[in-house]
Amino acid sequence: MEAVLSLLAGMVVGVLFTFIRLPLPAPVTIAGVLGVAGVYLGGKLVSLFIRS
């Protein structure tokens, strides 16, 4: 449910930014999106090893 709400909130922000003609506050390419995902996953991976 949290993921769905996050997606909806992101969509609302995207719509608002487009209507007021501001640049979107997100990567515009799939490589950028994957980079953000990689940063998140890397942080989670380190957290996993620190807890062990």
C-alpha atoms as a PDB file:
ATOM      1  CA  MET A   1       0.000   0.000   0.000  1.00  0.00           C
ATOM      2  CA  GLU A   2       2.888   2.360   0.799  1.00  0.00           C
ATOM      3  CA  ALA A   3       4.318   1.889  -2.692  1.00  0.00           C
ATOM      4  CA  VAL A   4       0.962   2.681  -4.305  1.00  0.00           C
ATOM      5  CA  LEU A   5       0.579   5.848  -2.236  1.00  0.00           C
ATOM      6  CA  SER A   6       4.129   6.891  -3.123  1.00  0.00           C
ATOM      7  CA  LEU A   7       3.420   6.357  -6.809  1.00  0.00           C
ATOM      8  CA  LEU A   8       0.218   8.392  -6.596  1.00  0.00           C
ATOM      9  CA  ALA A   9       1.956  11.207  -4.717  1.00  0.00           C
ATOM     10  CA  GLY A  10       4.696  11.248  -7.348  1.00  0.00           C
ATOM     11  CA  MET A  11       2.142  11.429 -10.121  1.00  0.00           C
ATOM     12  CA  VAL A  12       0.395  14.370  -8.435  1.00  0.00           C
ATOM     13  CA  VAL A  13       3.726  16.187  -8.102  1.00  0.00           C
ATOM     14  CA  GLY A  14       4.506  15.459 -11.763  1.00  0.00           C
ATOM     15  CA  VAL A  15       1.149  16.855 -12.873  1.00  0.00           C
ATOM     16  CA  LEU A  16       1.534  19.981 -10.714  1.00  0.00           C
ATOM     17  CA  PHE A  17       5.082  20.658 -11.902  1.00  0.00           C
ATOM     18  CA  THR A  18       3.987  20.250 -15.516  1.00  0.00           C
ATOM     19  CA  PHE A  19       1.046  22.627 -15.085  1.00  0.00           C
ATOM     20  CA  ILE A  20       3.206  25.350 -13.525  1.00  0.00           C
ATOM     21  CA  ARG A  21       5.920  24.689 -16.123  1.00  0.00           C
ATOM     22  CA  LEU A  22       8.732  23.728 -13.770  1.00  0.00           C
ATOM     23  CA  PRO A  23      11.291  21.044 -14.587  1.00  0.00           C
ATOM     24  CA  LEU A  24      10.357  17.672 -13.152  1.00  0.00           C
ATOM     25  CA  PRO A  25      12.252  16.887  -9.934  1.00  0.00           C
ATOM     26  CA  ALA A  26      13.208  13.430 -11.183  1.00  0.00           C
ATOM     27  CA  PRO A  27      15.639  11.806 -13.598  1.00  0.00           C
ATOM     28  CA  VAL A  28      14.355  12.033 -17.163  1.00  0.00           C
ATOM     29  CA  THR A  29      15.984   8.850 -18.470  1.00  0.00           C
ATOM     30  CA  ILE A  30      15.766   5.214 -17.462  1.00  0.00           C
ATOM     31  CA  ALA A  31      19.483   5.356 -16.629  1.00  0.00           C
ATOM     32  CA  GLY A  32      18.772   8.099 -14.097  1.00  0.00           C
ATOM     33  CA  VAL A  33      15.934   6.127 -12.544  1.00  0.00           C
ATOM     34  CA  LEU A  34      18.137   3.044 -12.313  1.00  0.00           C
ATOM     35  CA  GLY A  35      20.877   5.152 -10.714  1.00  0.00           C
ATOM     36  CA  VAL A  36      18.493   6.302  -7.994  1.00  0.00           C
ATOM     37  CA  ALA A  37      17.346   2.702  -7.472  1.00  0.00           C
ATOM     38  CA  GLY A  38      20.994   1.609  -7.260  1.00  0.00           C
ATOM     39  CA  VAL A  39      21.737   4.151  -4.548  1.00  0.00           C
ATOM     40  CA  TYR A  40      18.766   2.899  -2.545  1.00  0.00           C
ATOM     41  CA  LEU A  41      19.645  -0.769  -3.023  1.00  0.00           C
ATOM     42  CA  GLY A  42      23.295  -0.142  -2.154  1.00  0.00           C
ATOM     43  CA  GLY A  43      22.271   1.495   1.101  1.00  0.00           C
ATOM     44  CA  LYS A  44      19.973  -1.406   1.947  1.00  0.00           C
ATOM     45  CA  LEU A  45      22.740  -3.905   1.147  1.00  0.00           C
ATOM     46  CA  VAL A  46      25.172  -2.191   3.502  1.00  0.00           C
ATOM     47  CA  SER A  47      22.487  -2.084   6.207  1.00  0.00           C
ATOM     48  CA  LEU A  48      21.991  -5.821   5.806  1.00  0.00           C
ATOM     49  CA  PHE A  49      25.691  -6.539   6.287  1.00  0.00           C
ATOM     50  CA  ILE A  50      26.014  -4.181   9.260  1.00  0.00           C
ATOM     51  CA  ARG A  51      23.124  -5.908  11.082  1.00  0.00           C
ATOM     52  CA  SER A  52      24.621  -9.392  10.533  1.00  0.00           C
END
